[in-house]
Protein backbone atom coordinates (compact mmCIF):
# COMPACT_ATOMS: atom_id res chain seq x y z
CA MET A 1 27.21 19.28 16.98
CA THR A 2 24.66 16.61 16.07
CA GLU A 3 25.97 13.83 13.85
CA ARG A 4 25.28 14.46 10.16
CA PHE A 5 21.80 13.45 9.07
CA GLY A 6 23.08 11.42 6.12
CA ARG A 7 25.08 9.25 8.49
CA ARG A 8 22.14 8.81 10.86
CA ALA A 9 19.74 7.97 8.02
CA ARG A 10 22.10 5.31 6.70
CA ALA A 11 22.47 3.78 10.16
CA ALA A 12 18.69 3.71 10.68
CA LEU A 13 18.10 1.90 7.39
CA GLU A 14 20.90 -0.57 7.99
CA ALA A 15 19.59 -1.37 11.47
CA HIS A 16 15.86 -1.51 10.79
CA GLY A 17 15.32 -1.69 7.03
CA PRO A 18 13.51 0.70 4.68
CA LEU A 19 10.04 0.99 6.25
CA CYS A 20 8.97 4.44 7.46
CA VAL A 21 5.70 4.74 9.37
CA GLY A 22 3.64 7.73 8.31
CA ILE A 23 1.70 9.36 11.14
CA ASP A 24 -1.42 10.51 9.28
CA PRO A 25 -4.41 10.95 11.59
CA HIS A 26 -7.14 11.20 8.94
CA ALA A 27 -10.60 11.90 10.32
CA ALA A 28 -11.75 8.41 9.29
CA LEU A 29 -8.84 6.80 11.11
CA LEU A 30 -9.48 8.84 14.24
CA ALA A 31 -13.05 7.58 14.24
CA ALA A 32 -11.94 3.99 13.62
CA TRP A 33 -9.53 4.25 16.56
CA GLY A 34 -12.28 5.64 18.80
CA LEU A 35 -10.60 9.04 19.06
CA THR A 36 -12.07 12.52 18.84
CA ALA A 37 -11.47 14.68 15.77
CA ASP A 38 -9.60 17.40 17.62
CA ALA A 39 -6.13 18.23 18.93
CA ALA A 40 -6.45 15.74 21.78
CA GLY A 41 -7.37 13.02 19.32
CA VAL A 42 -4.44 13.60 16.97
CA ARG A 43 -2.08 13.81 19.93
CA GLU A 44 -3.23 10.43 21.24
CA PHE A 45 -3.13 8.95 17.74
CA GLY A 46 0.43 10.18 17.20
CA LEU A 47 1.71 8.99 20.57
CA ARG A 48 0.21 5.53 20.11
CA THR A 49 1.77 5.27 16.66
CA VAL A 50 5.16 6.28 18.02
CA GLU A 51 4.90 3.63 20.74
CA ALA A 52 4.03 0.96 18.16
CA ALA A 53 6.84 2.02 15.79
CA ALA A 54 9.65 2.36 18.35
CA GLY A 55 12.19 -0.43 18.03
CA ARG A 56 10.45 -1.88 14.98
CA VAL A 57 11.40 0.74 12.36
CA GLY A 58 13.98 3.47 12.22
CA VAL A 59 11.93 6.34 10.79
CA VAL A 60 8.54 7.97 11.28
CA LYS A 61 6.97 10.76 9.24
CA PRO A 62 4.23 12.88 10.81
CA GLN A 63 2.09 14.61 8.18
CA VAL A 64 1.92 18.13 9.56
CA SER A 65 -1.37 19.11 7.92
CA PHE A 66 -3.39 16.72 10.08
CA PHE A 67 -2.16 18.56 13.18
CA GLU A 68 -2.07 22.07 11.73
CA ARG A 69 -5.80 21.95 10.94
CA TYR A 70 -6.49 22.27 14.70
CA GLY A 71 -4.53 25.50 15.05
CA ALA A 72 -2.40 26.27 18.08
CA ALA A 73 -3.67 23.23 19.98
CA GLY A 74 -2.84 21.03 17.00
CA PHE A 75 0.70 22.35 16.84
CA ALA A 76 1.07 21.72 20.58
CA ALA A 77 -0.05 18.14 19.97
CA LEU A 78 2.49 17.82 17.16
CA GLU A 79 5.26 19.12 19.45
CA ASP A 80 4.47 16.29 21.88
CA VAL A 81 4.47 13.67 19.11
CA LEU A 82 7.75 14.90 17.61
CA ALA A 83 9.43 14.98 21.02
CA ALA A 84 8.18 11.50 21.93
CA ALA A 85 9.40 10.04 18.63
CA ARG A 86 12.87 11.52 18.96
CA ALA A 87 13.08 10.43 22.61
CA ALA A 88 12.23 6.89 21.45
CA GLY A 89 15.26 6.88 19.15
CA LEU A 90 13.30 7.27 15.92
CA LEU A 91 14.43 9.49 13.07
CA VAL A 92 11.63 12.01 12.54
CA ILE A 93 10.83 13.49 9.14
CA ALA A 94 8.38 16.39 9.45
CA ASP A 95 6.30 16.29 6.28
CA ALA A 96 5.49 19.99 6.04
CA LYS A 97 6.58 20.67 2.42
CA ARG A 98 7.67 24.20 3.21
CA GLY A 99 8.89 26.36 0.36
CA ASP A 100 9.46 30.11 0.20
CA ILE A 101 12.15 32.66 -0.53
CA GLY A 102 14.89 34.46 1.37
CA SER A 103 14.44 35.20 5.04
CA THR A 104 10.92 33.74 5.01
CA MET A 105 12.25 30.30 4.15
CA ALA A 106 14.99 30.64 6.74
CA ASP A 107 12.38 31.40 9.42
CA TYR A 108 10.28 28.40 8.40
CA ALA A 109 13.40 26.28 8.83
CA GLN A 110 14.06 27.81 12.26
CA ALA A 111 10.85 26.23 13.53
CA TRP A 112 11.93 22.70 12.60
CA LEU A 113 15.69 22.24 12.40
CA PRO A 114 17.76 23.76 15.25
CA ALA A 115 18.27 21.86 18.49
CA GLY A 116 15.56 22.91 20.91
CA ALA A 117 13.31 24.37 18.18
CA PRO A 118 9.62 24.24 19.06
CA LEU A 119 8.93 21.64 16.37
CA GLU A 120 12.37 20.04 16.23
CA ALA A 121 12.63 17.19 13.75
CA ASP A 122 15.55 15.35 12.20
CA ALA A 123 14.55 16.32 8.68
CA LEU A 124 11.99 18.43 6.87
CA THR A 125 10.33 18.04 3.47
CA VAL A 126 10.73 21.17 1.34
CA ASN A 127 9.30 22.41 -1.96
CA PRO A 128 11.87 23.68 -4.51
CA TYR A 129 9.44 25.00 -7.08
CA LEU A 130 10.20 28.63 -6.26
CA GLY A 131 13.74 27.67 -7.27
CA VAL A 132 16.19 25.42 -5.46
CA GLY A 133 18.28 28.47 -4.59
CA ALA A 134 15.34 29.94 -2.69
CA LEU A 135 15.84 27.18 -0.11
CA GLU A 136 19.32 28.43 0.76
CA GLY A 137 18.34 29.36 4.32
CA ALA A 138 17.03 25.86 4.96
CA PHE A 139 20.12 24.21 3.43
CA ALA A 140 22.42 26.31 5.61
CA LEU A 141 20.47 25.69 8.80
CA ALA A 142 20.22 21.95 8.16
CA GLU A 143 23.96 21.69 7.59
CA GLU A 144 24.72 23.78 10.68
CA HIS A 145 22.60 21.57 12.97
CA GLY A 146 23.23 18.15 11.46
CA LYS A 147 19.71 17.90 10.10
CA GLY A 148 18.31 16.78 6.77
CA LEU A 149 16.05 18.06 4.02
CA PHE A 150 13.96 16.05 1.59
CA VAL A 151 13.47 18.06 -1.56
CA LEU A 152 10.39 17.33 -3.66
CA ALA A 153 11.76 16.05 -6.95
CA ALA A 154 9.33 13.71 -8.72
CA THR A 155 5.99 13.32 -7.03
CA SER A 156 3.31 10.86 -8.09
CA ASN A 157 0.28 13.16 -8.08
CA PRO A 158 -0.97 13.73 -11.65
CA GLU A 159 -1.23 17.49 -11.16
CA ALA A 160 2.57 17.70 -10.98
CA THR A 161 3.26 16.13 -14.35
CA VAL A 162 3.12 19.26 -16.51
CA LEU A 163 5.53 21.15 -14.27
CA GLN A 164 7.92 18.39 -13.23
CA ARG A 165 8.20 16.75 -16.67
CA ALA A 166 8.71 20.04 -18.50
CA THR A 167 12.19 20.37 -20.00
CA THR A 168 14.79 23.04 -19.45
CA ALA A 169 16.89 24.73 -22.12
CA ASP A 170 19.46 21.97 -21.56
CA GLY A 171 16.89 19.31 -22.44
CA GLU A 172 16.56 17.78 -18.96
CA THR A 173 13.31 17.55 -17.06
CA VAL A 174 12.62 19.99 -14.25
CA SER A 175 12.70 17.02 -11.84
CA ALA A 176 16.15 16.04 -13.09
CA ALA A 177 17.37 19.63 -12.82
CA VAL A 178 16.23 19.79 -9.18
CA VAL A 179 18.02 16.53 -8.40
CA ALA A 180 21.20 17.69 -10.14
CA GLU A 181 21.34 20.98 -8.25
CA VAL A 182 20.74 19.38 -4.86
CA ALA A 183 23.25 16.62 -5.66
CA ARG A 184 25.89 19.30 -6.31
CA ARG A 185 25.21 20.73 -2.86
CA ASN A 186 25.58 17.28 -1.35
CA ALA A 187 28.85 16.73 -3.20
CA ALA A 188 30.27 19.96 -1.78
CA ALA A 189 29.23 19.17 1.80
CA THR A 190 29.57 15.38 2.14
CA PRO A 191 32.73 13.53 3.24
CA ALA A 192 33.90 10.85 0.82
CA GLY A 193 32.02 7.57 1.18
CA GLU A 194 29.17 9.04 3.23
CA TRP A 195 25.55 9.75 2.36
CA GLY A 196 24.44 13.28 1.65
CA SER A 197 22.08 14.90 4.13
CA PHE A 198 19.93 16.51 1.45
CA GLY A 199 17.61 13.81 0.14
CA PHE A 200 14.80 13.66 -2.36
CA VAL A 201 11.10 12.87 -2.45
CA ILE A 202 10.52 10.51 -5.37
CA GLY A 203 7.21 8.68 -5.56
CA ALA A 204 7.36 4.90 -5.62
CA THR A 205 4.84 4.93 -8.46
CA VAL A 206 6.91 7.32 -10.59
CA ASP A 207 8.48 5.98 -13.78
CA ALA A 208 12.10 7.17 -13.52
CA ALA A 209 12.62 7.15 -17.27
CA GLU A 210 9.52 9.28 -17.89
CA ALA A 211 10.65 11.67 -15.16
CA GLY A 212 14.10 11.89 -16.77
CA LEU A 213 15.79 10.67 -13.60
CA ALA A 214 19.12 8.85 -13.49
CA PRO A 215 21.28 7.67 -10.57
CA PHE A 216 22.97 10.56 -8.77
CA ALA A 217 26.06 10.95 -6.60
CA PRO A 218 26.82 11.08 -3.78
CA VAL A 219 24.25 8.68 -2.39
CA ALA A 220 21.48 10.47 -0.53
CA PRO A 221 18.31 9.17 1.11
CA ILE A 222 15.21 8.95 -1.06
CA LEU A 223 11.87 9.38 0.70
CA ALA A 224 9.42 7.35 -1.35
CA PRO A 225 5.71 7.75 -0.69
CA GLY A 226 3.39 5.47 -2.63
CA PHE A 227 4.02 2.19 -0.84
CA GLY A 228 1.11 0.42 0.76
CA ALA A 229 -2.33 1.89 0.05
CA GLN A 230 -1.12 3.65 -3.10
CA GLY A 231 -0.08 0.36 -4.65
CA ALA A 232 3.71 -0.09 -4.42
CA THR A 233 4.98 -3.15 -2.51
CA PRO A 234 8.33 -4.12 -0.97
CA ALA A 235 9.08 -6.09 -4.14
CA ASP A 236 8.94 -2.81 -6.08
CA LEU A 237 11.98 -1.38 -4.29
CA ALA A 238 14.57 -2.80 -6.67
CA ARG A 239 12.37 -2.52 -9.75
CA ARG A 240 11.62 1.16 -9.20
CA PHE A 241 14.89 2.36 -7.73
CA GLY A 242 17.51 -0.02 -9.12
CA PRO A 243 21.01 0.57 -7.73
CA GLN A 244 19.69 3.27 -5.38
CA ALA A 245 17.19 0.98 -3.64
CA ALA A 246 19.44 0.66 -0.57
CA SER A 247 18.95 4.36 0.22
CA VAL A 248 15.14 4.36 -0.11
CA ILE A 249 12.94 5.18 2.87
CA ALA A 250 9.65 3.48 2.00
CA SER A 251 6.79 5.39 3.54
CA GLU A 252 3.51 3.68 4.43
CA SER A 253 0.69 5.11 6.48
CA ARG A 254 -2.95 4.04 5.87
CA SER A 255 -1.96 0.46 5.05
CA LEU A 256 -0.47 0.18 8.54
CA LEU A 257 -2.66 2.53 10.56
CA SER A 258 -5.90 0.91 9.40
CA ALA A 259 -4.94 -2.13 11.50
CA GLY A 260 -6.03 -0.14 14.54
CA PRO A 261 -4.16 0.56 17.77
CA ALA A 262 -4.41 -2.96 19.20
CA ALA A 263 -2.80 -4.60 16.16
CA LEU A 264 -0.56 -1.75 15.01
CA ALA A 265 2.71 -2.87 16.60
CA GLU A 266 2.41 -6.38 15.18
CA THR A 267 1.41 -5.02 11.76
CA ILE A 268 4.42 -2.70 11.67
CA ALA A 269 6.76 -5.48 12.77
CA ASP A 270 5.48 -7.85 10.09
CA ARG A 271 5.68 -5.26 7.34
CA ALA A 272 9.15 -4.13 8.42
CA ALA A 273 10.33 -7.73 8.22
CA GLN A 274 9.04 -7.98 4.64
CA TYR A 275 11.04 -4.92 3.65
CA ARG A 276 14.19 -6.18 5.35
CA GLU A 277 13.91 -9.53 3.58
CA VAL A 278 13.64 -7.84 0.20
CA SER A 279 16.31 -5.24 0.82
CA ARG A 280 18.85 -7.74 2.16
CA GLY A 281 18.22 -10.26 -0.60
């Protein structure tokens, strides 16, 4: 059986620091890189990004939508990018934000989590807003195969505020209730002293107090979009995440990718060094 994702995530952050390179082949970036806006273009974009990231960071995060838009050929391109990233020793988070109920959710998870799956990744982002319990099939499959999930908890997009900041009958925010339920699952499945394999998506621009969030146990990885082009900097790690900063995976995409293919490796290396300096004090 594959080593638990929580253990692998911790090792990746300790070895390389917090930076995660988002693989987001926007149409404007494809044009800037001299690539075509089609499946061949996103494949080349993804493979070049993997090559630049390998050995410089521990984690990459392909945004599935930029591949999915090209249909079957786009998914074939994504398969190549995912396989290349994992072969290069990178932890791969597939940012697909899947969320459904019952057997439907379990089948979504089958595409991403088992060994040898067509779109095998190390972890998958999932949407709990049909109920955390509706993700049961994904939780079970992730645990069986040593994979991870990142559950959307407190996102930074303004459209989410009404839903995620709403309060339950117990007086906690919906975001806090999601975190509490997933944390209980981690507690039941995680050996003492280890990180949980079920992490959270918490935006780096989110105010934890406004979201009703407090530190949780056991420790689990936090995928934090919002660094780079969206305004958060390495210096914000401790300010935003406090005692949980050591488990944050800081995702940047446009701020790195806009450097272009020739300068991308150097840009990633420089930015990764900034994060390591901050995270290691």
